[in-house]
Amino acid sequence: MKKGQLGIIEFKYFMTGLFIGLIAIIIVVGLGSAGTIPFKIPLVCG
């Protein structure tokens, strides 16, 4: 495996993790705003 290929694979995993993380954050913030879960994030929910 060449060095250039490794960066592409790492980038793919990074993007996948970032995407899943963003979805998880949106779900948590959404539930917090709706009052489904007991805690809220003050910066986002205001």
C-alpha atoms as a PDB file:
ATOM      1  CA  MET A   1       0.000   0.000   0.000  1.00  0.00           C
ATOM      2  CA  LYS A   2       1.328   3.392  -0.970  1.00  0.00           C
ATOM      3  CA  LYS A   3       1.395   6.324   1.415  1.00  0.00           C
ATOM      4  CA  GLY A   4      -1.123   8.300  -0.676  1.00  0.00           C
ATOM      5  CA  GLN A   5      -3.779   5.616  -0.359  1.00  0.00           C
ATOM      6  CA  LEU A   6      -3.598   5.599   3.434  1.00  0.00           C
ATOM      7  CA  GLY A   7      -4.622   9.260   3.627  1.00  0.00           C
ATOM      8  CA  ILE A   8      -7.726   8.620   1.526  1.00  0.00           C
ATOM      9  CA  ILE A   9      -8.805   5.721   3.753  1.00  0.00           C
ATOM     10  CA  GLU A  10      -8.208   7.750   6.918  1.00  0.00           C
ATOM     11  CA  PHE A  11     -10.145  10.671   5.424  1.00  0.00           C
ATOM     12  CA  LYS A  12     -13.068   8.365   4.639  1.00  0.00           C
ATOM     13  CA  TYR A  13     -13.184   7.123   8.238  1.00  0.00           C
ATOM     14  CA  PHE A  14     -12.876  10.704   9.514  1.00  0.00           C
ATOM     15  CA  MET A  15     -15.799  11.873   7.367  1.00  0.00           C
ATOM     16  CA  THR A  16     -17.921   8.885   8.430  1.00  0.00           C
ATOM     17  CA  GLY A  17     -17.235   9.592  12.107  1.00  0.00           C
ATOM     18  CA  LEU A  18     -17.948  13.287  11.682  1.00  0.00           C
ATOM     19  CA  PHE A  19     -21.237  12.550   9.899  1.00  0.00           C
ATOM     20  CA  ILE A  20     -22.405  10.089  12.575  1.00  0.00           C
ATOM     21  CA  GLY A  21     -21.353  12.541  15.298  1.00  0.00           C
ATOM     22  CA  LEU A  22     -23.323  15.382  13.733  1.00  0.00           C
ATOM     23  CA  ILE A  23     -26.443  13.234  13.449  1.00  0.00           C
ATOM     24  CA  ALA A  24     -26.083  12.168  17.102  1.00  0.00           C
ATOM     25  CA  ILE A  25     -25.701  15.807  18.216  1.00  0.00           C
ATOM     26  CA  ILE A  26     -28.774  16.880  16.222  1.00  0.00           C
ATOM     27  CA  ILE A  27     -30.843  14.055  17.760  1.00  0.00           C
ATOM     28  CA  VAL A  28     -29.712  14.907  21.318  1.00  0.00           C
ATOM     29  CA  VAL A  29     -30.354  18.631  20.850  1.00  0.00           C
ATOM     30  CA  GLY A  30     -33.745  17.902  19.271  1.00  0.00           C
ATOM     31  CA  LEU A  31     -34.813  15.650  22.139  1.00  0.00           C
ATOM     32  CA  GLY A  32     -33.522  18.155  24.693  1.00  0.00           C
ATOM     33  CA  SER A  33     -35.485  20.984  23.084  1.00  0.00           C
ATOM     34  CA  ALA A  34     -38.649  18.880  22.938  1.00  0.00           C
ATOM     35  CA  GLY A  35     -38.270  17.938  26.611  1.00  0.00           C
ATOM     36  CA  THR A  36     -38.071  14.203  25.913  1.00  0.00           C
ATOM     37  CA  ILE A  37     -34.795  13.911  27.799  1.00  0.00           C
ATOM     38  CA  PRO A  38     -34.242  15.788  31.068  1.00  0.00           C
ATOM     39  CA  PHE A  39     -31.120  17.798  30.227  1.00  0.00           C
ATOM     40  CA  LYS A  40     -30.654  20.740  27.861  1.00  0.00           C
ATOM     41  CA  ILE A  41     -27.621  22.312  26.243  1.00  0.00           C
ATOM     42  CA  PRO A  42     -27.834  26.002  27.226  1.00  0.00           C
ATOM     43  CA  LEU A  43     -25.783  27.342  24.307  1.00  0.00           C
ATOM     44  CA  VAL A  44     -27.910  25.666  21.681  1.00  0.00           C
ATOM     45  CA  CYS A  45     -31.356  25.641  23.259  1.00  0.00           C
ATOM     46  CA  GLY A  46     -31.100  29.101  24.797  1.00  0.00           C
END
